[in-house]
Amino acid sequence: MTSKSTTTNEYENYYVPAQSHWPIVGAIALFLIAVGAGNYVANIDTDEGIGGWVLIAGIVMIIWMVVGWFGNVIDESMEGRYSKQMDASFRQGMSWFIFSEVMFFAAFFGALLYARVFSVPWLGGDGNNLETFQVLWPEFQAAWPLTKTPDGTTTEAMGWGGLPLYNTIILLASSVTAHFAHVALEQNNRGALKAWLGLTILLGLGFLVLQVEEYIHAYSAMGLTLASGIYGNTFYMLTGFHGMHVTLGTIMLIVMFFRVLKGHFSPDNHFAFQAASWYWHFVDVVWVLLFFFVYVL
């Protein structure tokens, strides 16, 4: 008679946190940001309305929500409440978040390419189309970038050399340093981890400083503003939103840096750091595409 051996697999409990007020705080903050931004843009030339203050209130609330909520998550993680199942959930969540960001930028790149490839040639009479511009805009020239608006306002296109090129080199270098920081963490080399991560943060801050300088130059010396037609709109929408993502990514890396200083993370348990690294590499890839499609081509 053969005896049957039984194998007992330990079941990992999926941690379910207690009820939290942070989701409702975040919902209110996003509502204030949407209403405030819309009101501010609608009255940007009239100096009327309270959109700017509402927008600031929403931003302050969202910062409060992020700090508090993520603080709770960090505490729960350090207390050992998370299992491998929770870790898988975090990975799926971050993957879907980055995918949503890909779709976000795809919409703006799509608008840029549609204007350049279809709208501008069509208005110029391409494809046996009636030359609509002769009625709507007699001085229209079907060439990109459109540096002149129908009211006669003339601007200058931003070239790829100078600050844009420097920022490209900076972001590409920061992607390399972020990778080295991740490798150092996997090797449990805390000294190298701090050095590479700190350098990555400095490069991110340097990018933001140069982008502000680029915007100042564009507004003051080139006359390139949001009112500069479709070229100005797409230029600032793409570079501006990317700058916001670089800011977010830099903040994430700074948080990771302080957590490293506190002794957080190990070679086997460091998904928060890995998620920040994923996001930073995503931001770098978006900039490379943006550099070619907005500045070079």
Protein backbone atom coordinates (compact mmCIF):
# COMPACT_ATOMS: atom_id res chain seq x y z
CA MET A 1 0.00 0.00 0.00
CA THR A 2 1.45 3.32 -1.12
CA SER A 3 1.18 6.26 1.22
CA LYS A 4 0.09 9.59 -0.24
CA SER A 5 2.06 12.63 0.80
CA THR A 6 0.27 15.93 0.94
CA THR A 7 1.90 19.22 0.18
CA THR A 8 0.59 22.29 1.94
CA ASN A 9 0.95 25.56 0.05
CA GLU A 10 0.91 28.58 2.29
CA TYR A 11 -1.75 31.01 1.18
CA GLU A 12 -0.69 34.63 1.01
CA ASN A 13 -3.28 37.00 2.36
CA TYR A 14 -4.08 39.96 0.13
CA TYR A 15 -3.85 43.05 2.30
CA VAL A 16 -6.97 45.21 2.16
CA PRO A 17 -6.40 48.63 3.73
CA ALA A 18 -8.96 50.37 5.90
CA GLN A 19 -11.32 52.95 4.48
CA SER A 20 -9.49 56.12 3.43
CA HIS A 21 -10.49 59.71 2.79
CA TRP A 22 -7.76 60.20 0.17
CA PRO A 23 -9.82 59.15 -2.89
CA ILE A 24 -12.48 61.79 -2.24
CA VAL A 25 -9.77 64.39 -1.59
CA GLY A 26 -8.18 63.51 -4.92
CA ALA A 27 -11.53 63.69 -6.74
CA ILE A 28 -12.24 67.16 -5.35
CA ALA A 29 -8.71 68.30 -6.21
CA LEU A 30 -9.00 67.13 -9.83
CA PHE A 31 -12.38 68.84 -10.13
CA LEU A 32 -10.91 72.12 -8.88
CA ILE A 33 -7.96 71.79 -11.26
CA ALA A 34 -10.23 71.19 -14.27
CA VAL A 35 -12.62 74.05 -13.42
CA GLY A 36 -9.82 76.42 -12.45
CA ALA A 37 -7.71 75.72 -15.55
CA GLY A 38 -10.71 76.13 -17.85
CA ASN A 39 -11.76 79.40 -16.24
CA TYR A 40 -8.20 80.71 -16.24
CA VAL A 41 -7.60 79.97 -19.93
CA ALA A 42 -11.00 81.42 -20.89
CA ASN A 43 -10.18 84.71 -19.14
CA ILE A 44 -6.43 84.81 -19.71
CA ASP A 45 -6.67 88.00 -21.77
CA THR A 46 -9.21 89.77 -19.56
CA ASP A 47 -7.75 89.28 -16.08
CA GLU A 48 -11.23 88.38 -14.87
CA GLY A 49 -12.54 85.40 -12.93
CA ILE A 50 -11.05 83.37 -10.12
CA GLY A 51 -9.77 80.50 -12.25
CA GLY A 52 -6.16 81.01 -11.21
CA TRP A 53 -6.95 80.78 -7.50
CA VAL A 54 -9.19 77.75 -8.01
CA LEU A 55 -6.42 76.08 -10.01
CA ILE A 56 -3.87 76.76 -7.25
CA ALA A 57 -6.27 75.38 -4.63
CA GLY A 58 -6.68 72.20 -6.68
CA ILE A 59 -2.92 71.79 -7.09
CA VAL A 60 -2.36 72.25 -3.34
CA MET A 61 -5.04 69.65 -2.59
CA ILE A 62 -3.59 67.13 -5.05
CA ILE A 63 -0.12 67.57 -3.51
CA TRP A 64 -1.60 67.04 -0.04
CA MET A 65 -3.39 63.92 -1.28
CA VAL A 66 -0.28 62.45 -2.94
CA VAL A 67 1.94 63.06 0.10
CA GLY A 68 -0.60 61.62 2.53
CA TRP A 69 -1.69 58.65 0.45
CA PHE A 70 1.76 57.57 -0.63
CA GLY A 71 2.96 58.08 2.91
CA ASN A 72 0.38 55.55 4.04
CA VAL A 73 1.49 53.11 1.34
CA ILE A 74 5.14 53.46 2.36
CA ASP A 75 4.27 52.83 6.00
CA GLU A 76 2.25 49.73 5.10
CA SER A 77 5.08 48.41 2.93
CA MET A 78 7.72 48.94 5.62
CA GLU A 79 5.47 47.18 8.14
CA GLY A 80 5.55 44.06 5.94
CA ARG A 81 1.84 44.00 5.17
CA TYR A 82 2.26 43.45 1.42
CA SER A 83 2.54 40.02 -0.18
CA LYS A 84 3.61 38.95 -3.66
CA GLN A 85 0.01 39.29 -4.78
CA MET A 86 0.00 42.95 -3.75
CA ASP A 87 3.34 43.44 -5.50
CA ALA A 88 1.81 42.06 -8.70
CA SER A 89 -1.08 44.50 -8.33
CA PHE A 90 1.33 47.41 -8.00
CA ARG A 91 3.16 46.31 -11.14
CA GLN A 92 -0.06 46.03 -13.11
CA GLY A 93 -1.21 49.40 -11.84
CA MET A 94 2.02 51.15 -12.84
CA SER A 95 1.99 49.45 -16.23
CA TRP A 96 -1.53 50.66 -16.94
CA PHE A 97 -0.64 54.14 -15.69
CA ILE A 98 2.28 54.41 -18.12
CA PHE A 99 0.06 53.04 -20.90
CA SER A 100 -2.47 55.80 -20.20
CA GLU A 101 0.37 58.32 -20.43
CA VAL A 102 1.38 56.84 -23.78
CA MET A 103 -2.18 57.39 -25.05
CA PHE A 104 -2.14 60.93 -23.61
CA PHE A 105 0.91 61.94 -25.62
CA ALA A 106 -0.27 59.97 -28.65
CA ALA A 107 -3.27 62.30 -28.85
CA PHE A 108 -1.07 65.41 -28.98
CA PHE A 109 1.40 63.87 -31.41
CA GLY A 110 -1.60 62.84 -33.52
CA ALA A 111 -2.88 66.42 -33.55
CA LEU A 112 0.55 67.69 -34.63
CA LEU A 113 0.95 65.13 -37.41
CA TYR A 114 -2.63 65.62 -38.63
CA ALA A 115 -2.05 69.36 -38.93
CA ARG A 116 1.25 68.91 -40.75
CA VAL A 117 0.43 65.97 -43.02
CA PHE A 118 -3.22 66.58 -43.82
CA SER A 119 -4.59 69.98 -42.83
CA VAL A 120 -1.84 72.27 -44.10
CA PRO A 121 -1.48 70.58 -47.53
CA TRP A 122 -5.28 70.37 -47.87
CA LEU A 123 -5.70 74.08 -47.20
CA GLY A 124 -3.01 74.75 -49.78
CA GLY A 125 -4.94 72.92 -52.51
CA ASP A 126 -3.28 69.51 -52.33
CA GLY A 127 -5.20 66.54 -53.70
CA ASN A 128 -7.16 68.53 -56.29
CA ASN A 129 -8.83 70.37 -53.44
CA LEU A 130 -10.19 73.83 -54.09
CA GLU A 131 -7.70 76.30 -52.74
CA THR A 132 -9.74 77.16 -49.69
CA PHE A 133 -7.13 79.56 -48.39
CA GLN A 134 -7.87 81.99 -51.24
CA VAL A 135 -11.19 82.70 -49.59
CA LEU A 136 -10.22 82.33 -45.95
CA TRP A 137 -6.59 83.44 -45.94
CA PRO A 138 -5.22 84.79 -49.25
CA GLU A 139 -1.63 85.03 -47.96
CA PHE A 140 -1.56 81.43 -46.72
CA GLN A 141 1.50 79.34 -47.64
CA ALA A 142 1.26 75.57 -47.25
CA ALA A 143 4.54 75.04 -45.41
CA TRP A 144 5.39 73.90 -41.90
CA PRO A 145 5.91 75.46 -39.47
CA LEU A 146 3.18 78.04 -39.88
CA THR A 147 4.92 81.11 -38.52
CA LYS A 148 2.20 83.56 -39.53
CA THR A 149 -1.39 83.73 -38.31
CA PRO A 150 -4.40 84.97 -40.33
CA ASP A 151 -4.36 88.31 -38.45
CA GLY A 152 -0.82 88.94 -39.69
CA THR A 153 1.03 88.06 -36.48
CA THR A 154 4.47 86.70 -37.35
CA THR A 155 6.60 84.52 -35.14
CA GLU A 156 9.79 82.49 -35.43
CA ALA A 157 10.15 78.72 -35.34
CA MET A 158 12.23 77.19 -32.55
CA GLY A 159 15.29 75.45 -33.96
CA TRP A 160 16.67 72.14 -32.75
CA GLY A 161 20.12 73.45 -31.88
CA GLY A 162 21.11 75.16 -28.68
CA LEU A 163 18.89 74.58 -25.64
CA PRO A 164 16.69 71.83 -27.18
CA LEU A 165 19.81 69.85 -28.16
CA TYR A 166 21.37 70.36 -24.73
CA ASN A 167 18.19 69.15 -23.06
CA THR A 168 18.14 66.08 -25.28
CA ILE A 169 21.68 65.19 -24.25
CA ILE A 170 20.80 65.81 -20.60
CA LEU A 171 17.75 63.53 -20.64
CA LEU A 172 19.54 60.76 -22.50
CA ALA A 173 22.37 60.94 -19.96
CA SER A 174 19.84 60.87 -17.10
CA SER A 175 18.33 57.67 -18.48
CA VAL A 176 21.78 56.06 -18.34
CA THR A 177 22.43 57.24 -14.78
CA ALA A 178 18.99 56.01 -13.68
CA HIS A 179 19.83 52.58 -15.09
CA PHE A 180 23.15 52.51 -13.24
CA ALA A 181 21.34 53.47 -10.03
CA HIS A 182 18.95 50.56 -10.50
CA VAL A 183 21.83 48.18 -11.13
CA ALA A 184 23.59 49.44 -7.99
CA LEU A 185 20.44 48.76 -5.97
CA GLU A 186 20.18 45.23 -7.32
CA GLN A 187 23.82 44.70 -6.31
CA ASN A 188 23.15 46.25 -2.89
CA ASN A 189 25.81 48.89 -3.51
CA ARG A 190 24.29 51.72 -1.47
CA GLY A 191 27.10 54.19 -2.14
CA ALA A 192 26.87 53.89 -5.91
CA LEU A 193 23.07 53.92 -5.68
CA LYS A 194 23.08 57.29 -3.89
CA ALA A 195 25.62 58.76 -6.30
CA TRP A 196 23.89 57.67 -9.52
CA LEU A 197 20.42 58.55 -8.24
CA GLY A 198 21.57 61.95 -7.03
CA LEU A 199 23.16 62.64 -10.43
CA THR A 200 19.93 61.63 -12.18
CA ILE A 201 17.99 64.13 -10.06
CA LEU A 202 20.47 66.91 -10.85
CA LEU A 203 20.15 66.18 -14.57
CA GLY A 204 16.36 66.31 -14.31
CA LEU A 205 16.51 69.65 -12.52
CA GLY A 206 18.97 70.92 -15.13
CA PHE A 207 16.53 69.99 -17.89
CA LEU A 208 13.75 71.96 -16.22
CA VAL A 209 15.95 75.03 -15.74
CA LEU A 210 16.94 75.02 -19.41
CA GLN A 211 13.33 74.57 -20.51
CA VAL A 212 12.28 77.62 -18.50
CA GLU A 213 15.12 79.55 -20.14
CA GLU A 214 13.93 78.32 -23.54
CA TYR A 215 10.39 79.52 -22.85
CA ILE A 216 11.62 82.93 -21.72
CA HIS A 217 13.66 83.26 -24.91
CA ALA A 218 10.72 82.10 -27.06
CA TYR A 219 8.32 84.63 -25.54
CA SER A 220 10.65 87.62 -25.30
CA ALA A 221 12.94 87.30 -28.32
CA MET A 222 11.05 85.14 -30.83
CA GLY A 223 7.44 86.15 -30.30
CA LEU A 224 6.52 82.46 -30.04
CA THR A 225 3.50 82.28 -27.72
CA LEU A 226 0.33 80.24 -27.27
CA ALA A 227 -1.36 82.78 -29.55
CA SER A 228 1.02 81.91 -32.43
CA GLY A 229 -1.48 79.76 -34.30
CA ILE A 230 -1.37 75.98 -34.63
CA TYR A 231 2.42 75.92 -34.43
CA GLY A 232 2.56 77.77 -31.13
CA ASN A 233 -0.33 75.71 -29.75
CA THR A 234 1.21 72.33 -30.56
CA PHE A 235 4.70 73.45 -29.52
CA TYR A 236 3.66 74.54 -26.04
CA MET A 237 1.13 71.75 -25.50
CA LEU A 238 3.71 69.04 -26.24
CA THR A 239 6.75 70.61 -24.59
CA GLY A 240 4.71 72.00 -21.69
CA PHE A 241 3.00 68.73 -20.80
CA HIS A 242 6.31 66.93 -21.16
CA GLY A 243 7.88 69.44 -18.80
CA MET A 244 5.11 68.68 -16.29
CA HIS A 245 5.93 64.97 -16.57
CA VAL A 246 9.64 65.64 -16.09
CA THR A 247 8.72 67.61 -12.96
CA LEU A 248 6.63 64.71 -11.68
CA GLY A 249 9.37 62.23 -12.51
CA THR A 250 11.99 64.35 -10.74
CA ILE A 251 9.81 64.55 -7.64
CA MET A 252 9.42 60.77 -7.70
CA LEU A 253 13.20 60.35 -7.91
CA ILE A 254 13.72 62.81 -5.03
CA VAL A 255 11.30 60.79 -2.89
CA MET A 256 13.22 57.63 -3.81
CA PHE A 257 16.48 59.35 -2.88
CA PHE A 258 15.25 60.22 0.62
CA ARG A 259 13.90 56.69 1.04
CA VAL A 260 17.32 55.34 0.08
CA LEU A 261 18.92 57.60 2.69
CA LYS A 262 16.53 56.13 5.28
CA GLY A 263 17.66 52.62 4.38
CA HIS A 264 14.59 51.59 2.43
CA PHE A 265 14.67 49.04 -0.41
CA SER A 266 16.65 45.87 -0.87
CA PRO A 267 17.80 43.90 -3.93
CA ASP A 268 14.69 41.70 -3.63
CA ASN A 269 12.14 44.34 -2.59
CA HIS A 270 12.30 47.68 -4.38
CA PHE A 271 9.36 48.02 -6.74
CA ALA A 272 8.71 51.65 -5.78
CA PHE A 273 12.21 52.50 -7.02
CA GLN A 274 11.68 50.37 -10.12
CA ALA A 275 8.37 52.11 -10.87
CA ALA A 276 10.04 55.53 -10.66
CA SER A 277 12.75 54.24 -12.99
CA TRP A 278 10.15 52.98 -15.48
CA TYR A 279 8.47 56.36 -15.48
CA TRP A 280 11.75 58.23 -15.98
CA HIS A 281 12.69 56.07 -18.96
CA PHE A 282 9.21 56.69 -20.43
CA VAL A 283 9.68 60.45 -20.07
CA ASP A 284 13.04 60.18 -21.85
CA VAL A 285 11.56 58.24 -24.77
CA VAL A 286 8.77 60.80 -25.17
CA TRP A 287 11.31 63.61 -25.31
CA VAL A 288 13.33 61.89 -28.04
CA LEU A 289 10.17 61.60 -30.16
CA LEU A 290 9.23 65.17 -29.33
CA PHE A 291 12.69 66.44 -30.26
CA PHE A 292 12.48 64.92 -33.73
CA PHE A 293 8.84 65.69 -34.54
CA VAL A 294 8.62 69.17 -33.01
CA TYR A 295 12.15 70.59 -33.35
CA VAL A 296 13.96 68.72 -36.15
CA LEU A 297 11.40 67.69 -38.79
